[in-house]
Amino acid sequence: MPILGYLFSKGKCAECNFKIPMVYLLSEVYLGLISAGLQIENYEDYLVLIIAALMLYMSLSDLKSLCVPSITLYITFLVSLIITSKSFATIIIILLCYIGTYLVNNWHKFNFIGNGDIDVLFIFFIIYEIQNVIKIIFIASFLALIYIKFSEKDKIAFIPFLTTGFLVNYLI
């Protein structure tokens, strides 16, 4: 209904004619696609929906300020630990790789990728097997390269592209 309402009102408030930002429409589409593709069979499916909503929130925050609220990352991390089927030893190895990547990324302020992006990728590695994370990274990078081609920005918010990769990987 919110999508149809947005389209019928041509993206404007019916009372004051204020233009409603398209990000609201895209948010509804994203969560609608996740919900439609989700077959709720157990509590883990609800947790996937929570992660999808948190990814959307992180994307919007990254778009606005190139920053992600830490509390959102912590909650997403905790939810990913609940739904993972990985062993404790595997999670420790992933954590050590995360710390190593974080240290290399911040060594002499080199920053080849944003710290929030590293955090989100760490969460994906907890949830998914490596081939799915590679698919997500490939989709996100491909879309980001297309965006950069037509954008004049020197820094971009990458979490929205990771979120799109998450959505595509989930739906395929």
C-alpha atoms as a PDB file:
ATOM      1  CA  MET A   1       0.000   0.000   0.000  1.00  0.00           C
ATOM      2  CA  PRO A   2       2.729   2.571   0.784  1.00  0.00           C
ATOM      3  CA  ILE A   3       4.253   1.985  -2.656  1.00  0.00           C
ATOM      4  CA  LEU A   4       0.933   2.497  -4.410  1.00  0.00           C
ATOM      5  CA  GLY A   5       0.226   5.559  -2.250  1.00  0.00           C
ATOM      6  CA  TYR A   6       3.570   7.068  -3.209  1.00  0.00           C
ATOM      7  CA  LEU A   7       2.966   6.397  -6.910  1.00  0.00           C
ATOM      8  CA  PHE A   8      -0.632   7.667  -6.924  1.00  0.00           C
ATOM      9  CA  SER A   9       0.348  10.864  -5.099  1.00  0.00           C
ATOM     10  CA  LYS A  10       3.278  11.294  -7.519  1.00  0.00           C
ATOM     11  CA  GLY A  11       5.636  11.447  -4.562  1.00  0.00           C
ATOM     12  CA  LYS A  12       3.980  14.480  -2.982  1.00  0.00           C
ATOM     13  CA  CYS A  13       2.066  15.060   0.221  1.00  0.00           C
ATOM     14  CA  ALA A  14      -1.657  15.346  -0.496  1.00  0.00           C
ATOM     15  CA  GLU A  15      -2.099  18.200   1.987  1.00  0.00           C
ATOM     16  CA  CYS A  16       0.941  20.458   1.593  1.00  0.00           C
ATOM     17  CA  ASN A  17       2.319  19.268  -1.777  1.00  0.00           C
ATOM     18  CA  PHE A  18       5.758  18.628  -0.171  1.00  0.00           C
ATOM     19  CA  LYS A  19       7.909  16.320  -2.312  1.00  0.00           C
ATOM     20  CA  ILE A  20       8.472  13.057  -0.432  1.00  0.00           C
ATOM     21  CA  PRO A  21      12.050  11.832  -0.899  1.00  0.00           C
ATOM     22  CA  MET A  22      12.369   8.779  -3.142  1.00  0.00           C
ATOM     23  CA  VAL A  23      14.377   7.012  -0.451  1.00  0.00           C
ATOM     24  CA  TYR A  24      11.073   6.204   1.294  1.00  0.00           C
ATOM     25  CA  LEU A  25       9.758   4.489  -1.818  1.00  0.00           C
ATOM     26  CA  LEU A  26      13.001   2.544  -2.246  1.00  0.00           C
ATOM     27  CA  SER A  27      12.896   1.511   1.421  1.00  0.00           C
ATOM     28  CA  GLU A  28       9.390   0.122   1.006  1.00  0.00           C
ATOM     29  CA  VAL A  29      10.390  -1.740  -2.164  1.00  0.00           C
ATOM     30  CA  TYR A  30      13.483  -3.233  -0.489  1.00  0.00           C
ATOM     31  CA  LEU A  31      11.667  -4.458   2.624  1.00  0.00           C
ATOM     32  CA  GLY A  32       8.737  -5.613   0.485  1.00  0.00           C
ATOM     33  CA  LEU A  33      11.015  -7.752  -1.674  1.00  0.00           C
ATOM     34  CA  ILE A  34      12.724  -9.259   1.377  1.00  0.00           C
ATOM     35  CA  SER A  35       9.340  -9.960   2.997  1.00  0.00           C
ATOM     36  CA  ALA A  36       7.917 -11.463  -0.183  1.00  0.00           C
ATOM     37  CA  GLY A  37      10.929 -13.722  -0.641  1.00  0.00           C
ATOM     38  CA  LEU A  38      10.967 -14.749   2.996  1.00  0.00           C
ATOM     39  CA  GLN A  39       9.096 -17.873   3.904  1.00  0.00           C
ATOM     40  CA  ILE A  40       8.544 -17.538   7.621  1.00  0.00           C
ATOM     41  CA  GLU A  41       9.017 -21.039   8.977  1.00  0.00           C
ATOM     42  CA  ASN A  42      10.962 -20.397  12.176  1.00  0.00           C
ATOM     43  CA  TYR A  43      12.373 -17.637  14.328  1.00  0.00           C
ATOM     44  CA  GLU A  44      15.560 -17.462  12.215  1.00  0.00           C
ATOM     45  CA  ASP A  45      13.484 -16.175   9.290  1.00  0.00           C
ATOM     46  CA  TYR A  46      12.303 -13.298  11.464  1.00  0.00           C
ATOM     47  CA  LEU A  47      15.930 -12.598  12.344  1.00  0.00           C
ATOM     48  CA  VAL A  48      16.829 -12.413   8.635  1.00  0.00           C
ATOM     49  CA  LEU A  49      14.077  -9.821   8.242  1.00  0.00           C
ATOM     50  CA  ILE A  50      15.547  -7.899  11.194  1.00  0.00           C
ATOM     51  CA  ILE A  51      18.996  -7.989   9.568  1.00  0.00           C
ATOM     52  CA  ALA A  52      17.468  -6.741   6.302  1.00  0.00           C
ATOM     53  CA  ALA A  53      15.827  -3.825   8.128  1.00  0.00           C
ATOM     54  CA  LEU A  54      19.072  -3.026   9.952  1.00  0.00           C
ATOM     55  CA  MET A  55      20.972  -3.134   6.644  1.00  0.00           C
ATOM     56  CA  LEU A  56      18.479  -0.657   5.222  1.00  0.00           C
ATOM     57  CA  TYR A  57      18.963   1.649   8.208  1.00  0.00           C
ATOM     58  CA  MET A  58      22.755   1.417   7.876  1.00  0.00           C
ATOM     59  CA  SER A  59      22.476   2.175   4.148  1.00  0.00           C
ATOM     60  CA  LEU A  60      20.425   5.294   4.756  1.00  0.00           C
ATOM     61  CA  SER A  61      22.837   6.448   7.445  1.00  0.00           C
ATOM     62  CA  ASP A  62      25.839   5.779   5.180  1.00  0.00           C
ATOM     63  CA  LEU A  63      24.205   7.718   2.341  1.00  0.00           C
ATOM     64  CA  LYS A  64      23.505  10.675   4.589  1.00  0.00           C
ATOM     65  CA  SER A  65      26.800  10.934   6.485  1.00  0.00           C
ATOM     66  CA  LEU A  66      29.250   8.257   5.253  1.00  0.00           C
ATOM     67  CA  CYS A  67      28.979   6.879   8.779  1.00  0.00           C
ATOM     68  CA  VAL A  68      27.125   4.009  10.443  1.00  0.00           C
ATOM     69  CA  PRO A  69      25.842   4.109  14.042  1.00  0.00           C
ATOM     70  CA  SER A  70      27.794   1.634  16.156  1.00  0.00           C
ATOM     71  CA  ILE A  71      24.692   0.422  17.991  1.00  0.00           C
ATOM     72  CA  THR A  72      23.188  -0.730  14.689  1.00  0.00           C
ATOM     73  CA  LEU A  73      26.339  -2.705  13.907  1.00  0.00           C
ATOM     74  CA  TYR A  74      26.310  -4.278  17.390  1.00  0.00           C
ATOM     75  CA  ILE A  75      22.689  -5.351  17.071  1.00  0.00           C
ATOM     76  CA  THR A  76      23.278  -6.763  13.580  1.00  0.00           C
ATOM     77  CA  PHE A  77      26.358  -8.606  14.846  1.00  0.00           C
ATOM     78  CA  LEU A  78      24.393 -10.149  17.748  1.00  0.00           C
ATOM     79  CA  VAL A  79      21.544 -11.221  15.474  1.00  0.00           C
ATOM     80  CA  SER A  80      24.055 -12.757  13.032  1.00  0.00           C
ATOM     81  CA  LEU A  81      25.601 -14.755  15.888  1.00  0.00           C
ATOM     82  CA  ILE A  82      22.161 -16.103  16.783  1.00  0.00           C
ATOM     83  CA  ILE A  83      21.348 -17.335  13.268  1.00  0.00           C
ATOM     84  CA  THR A  84      24.777 -18.620  12.235  1.00  0.00           C
ATOM     85  CA  SER A  85      25.451 -22.325  11.971  1.00  0.00           C
ATOM     86  CA  LYS A  86      29.212 -21.814  12.095  1.00  0.00           C
ATOM     87  CA  SER A  87      31.327 -23.328  14.844  1.00  0.00           C
ATOM     88  CA  PHE A  88      32.919 -21.260  17.579  1.00  0.00           C
ATOM     89  CA  ALA A  89      36.371 -21.930  16.087  1.00  0.00           C
ATOM     90  CA  THR A  90      35.256 -20.648  12.671  1.00  0.00           C
ATOM     91  CA  ILE A  91      33.823 -17.485  14.235  1.00  0.00           C
ATOM     92  CA  ILE A  92      37.147 -16.904  16.042  1.00  0.00           C
ATOM     93  CA  ILE A  93      39.035 -17.261  12.727  1.00  0.00           C
ATOM     94  CA  ILE A  94      36.629 -14.799  11.079  1.00  0.00           C
ATOM     95  CA  LEU A  95      37.131 -12.422  14.031  1.00  0.00           C
ATOM     96  CA  LEU A  96      40.934 -12.613  13.668  1.00  0.00           C
ATOM     97  CA  CYS A  97      40.645 -11.880   9.920  1.00  0.00           C
ATOM     98  CA  TYR A  98      38.361  -8.962  10.755  1.00  0.00           C
ATOM     99  CA  ILE A  99      40.859  -7.524  13.235  1.00  0.00           C
ATOM    100  CA  GLY A 100      43.703  -7.973  10.730  1.00  0.00           C
ATOM    101  CA  THR A 101      41.735  -6.254   7.964  1.00  0.00           C
ATOM    102  CA  TYR A 102      40.772  -3.431  10.309  1.00  0.00           C
ATOM    103  CA  LEU A 103      44.390  -2.893  11.376  1.00  0.00           C
ATOM    104  CA  VAL A 104      45.717  -2.921   7.800  1.00  0.00           C
ATOM    105  CA  ASN A 105      42.940  -0.568   6.687  1.00  0.00           C
ATOM    106  CA  ASN A 106      43.759   1.943   9.419  1.00  0.00           C
ATOM    107  CA  TRP A 107      47.548   1.649   9.231  1.00  0.00           C
ATOM    108  CA  HIS A 108      48.902   5.129   8.508  1.00  0.00           C
ATOM    109  CA  LYS A 109      45.358   6.286   7.647  1.00  0.00           C
ATOM    110  CA  PHE A 110      45.485   4.310   4.386  1.00  0.00           C
ATOM    111  CA  ASN A 111      41.755   3.402   4.442  1.00  0.00           C
ATOM    112  CA  PHE A 112      41.170   1.396   1.266  1.00  0.00           C
ATOM    113  CA  ILE A 113      37.612   0.794   2.479  1.00  0.00           C
ATOM    114  CA  GLY A 114      35.402   2.368   5.118  1.00  0.00           C
ATOM    115  CA  ASN A 115      35.445   0.819   8.581  1.00  0.00           C
ATOM    116  CA  GLY A 116      31.657   0.415   8.501  1.00  0.00           C
ATOM    117  CA  ASP A 117      32.022  -1.536   5.257  1.00  0.00           C
ATOM    118  CA  ILE A 118      34.515  -3.863   6.966  1.00  0.00           C
ATOM    119  CA  ASP A 119      32.064  -4.315   9.848  1.00  0.00           C
ATOM    120  CA  VAL A 120      29.219  -5.223   7.491  1.00  0.00           C
ATOM    121  CA  LEU A 121      31.416  -7.656   5.552  1.00  0.00           C
ATOM    122  CA  PHE A 122      32.438  -9.258   8.862  1.00  0.00           C
ATOM    123  CA  ILE A 123      28.750  -9.775   9.657  1.00  0.00           C
ATOM    124  CA  PHE A 124      28.165 -11.315   6.209  1.00  0.00           C
ATOM    125  CA  PHE A 125      31.044 -13.748   6.787  1.00  0.00           C
ATOM    126  CA  ILE A 126      29.382 -14.831  10.038  1.00  0.00           C
ATOM    127  CA  ILE A 127      26.024 -15.399   8.362  1.00  0.00           C
ATOM    128  CA  TYR A 128      26.996 -16.833   4.961  1.00  0.00           C
ATOM    129  CA  GLU A 129      29.449 -19.234   3.427  1.00  0.00           C
ATOM    130  CA  ILE A 130      32.312 -17.629   1.529  1.00  0.00           C
ATOM    131  CA  GLN A 131      30.787 -18.147  -1.942  1.00  0.00           C
ATOM    132  CA  ASN A 132      27.711 -16.128  -0.939  1.00  0.00           C
ATOM    133  CA  VAL A 133      29.848 -13.327   0.515  1.00  0.00           C
ATOM    134  CA  ILE A 134      31.847 -13.256  -2.721  1.00  0.00           C
ATOM    135  CA  LYS A 135      28.574 -12.943  -4.684  1.00  0.00           C
ATOM    136  CA  ILE A 136      27.465 -10.067  -2.459  1.00  0.00           C
ATOM    137  CA  ILE A 137      30.826  -8.301  -2.858  1.00  0.00           C
ATOM    138  CA  PHE A 138      30.785  -8.854  -6.625  1.00  0.00           C
ATOM    139  CA  ILE A 139      27.264  -7.455  -7.025  1.00  0.00           C
ATOM    140  CA  ALA A 140      28.033  -4.501  -4.728  1.00  0.00           C
ATOM    141  CA  SER A 141      31.316  -3.698  -6.471  1.00  0.00           C
ATOM    142  CA  PHE A 142      29.790  -3.973  -9.941  1.00  0.00           C
ATOM    143  CA  LEU A 143      26.957  -1.596  -9.031  1.00  0.00           C
ATOM    144  CA  ALA A 144      29.353   0.788  -7.269  1.00  0.00           C
ATOM    145  CA  LEU A 145      31.602   0.917 -10.343  1.00  0.00           C
ATOM    146  CA  ILE A 146      28.613   1.791 -12.518  1.00  0.00           C
ATOM    147  CA  TYR A 147      27.611   4.483 -10.024  1.00  0.00           C
ATOM    148  CA  ILE A 148      31.144   5.917  -9.876  1.00  0.00           C
ATOM    149  CA  LYS A 149      31.260   6.065 -13.676  1.00  0.00           C
ATOM    150  CA  PHE A 150      28.372   8.537 -13.666  1.00  0.00           C
ATOM    151  CA  SER A 151      29.124  10.269 -10.372  1.00  0.00           C
ATOM    152  CA  GLU A 152      31.623  12.988  -9.671  1.00  0.00           C
ATOM    153  CA  LYS A 153      32.143  12.034  -6.017  1.00  0.00           C
ATOM    154  CA  ASP A 154      35.521  10.947  -4.720  1.00  0.00           C
ATOM    155  CA  LYS A 155      33.985   9.015  -1.787  1.00  0.00           C
ATOM    156  CA  ILE A 156      30.823   6.967  -1.970  1.00  0.00           C
ATOM    157  CA  ALA A 157      28.631   5.198   0.542  1.00  0.00           C
ATOM    158  CA  PHE A 158      29.325   1.502  -0.106  1.00  0.00           C
ATOM    159  CA  ILE A 159      26.903  -0.041   2.403  1.00  0.00           C
ATOM    160  CA  PRO A 160      23.880   0.658   0.145  1.00  0.00           C
ATOM    161  CA  PHE A 161      25.615  -1.403  -2.546  1.00  0.00           C
ATOM    162  CA  LEU A 162      26.366  -4.170  -0.023  1.00  0.00           C
ATOM    163  CA  THR A 163      22.714  -4.064   1.025  1.00  0.00           C
ATOM    164  CA  THR A 164      21.657  -4.450  -2.623  1.00  0.00           C
ATOM    165  CA  GLY A 165      24.064  -7.384  -2.949  1.00  0.00           C
ATOM    166  CA  PHE A 166      22.538  -8.865   0.228  1.00  0.00           C
ATOM    167  CA  LEU A 167      19.049  -8.512  -1.257  1.00  0.00           C
ATOM    168  CA  VAL A 168      19.979 -10.023  -4.632  1.00  0.00           C
ATOM    169  CA  ASN A 169      21.875 -12.901  -2.983  1.00  0.00           C
ATOM    170  CA  TYR A 170      18.919 -13.577  -0.688  1.00  0.00           C
ATOM    171  CA  LEU A 171      16.360 -13.582  -3.495  1.00  0.00           C
ATOM    172  CA  ILE A 172      18.332 -15.812  -5.889  1.00  0.00           C
END
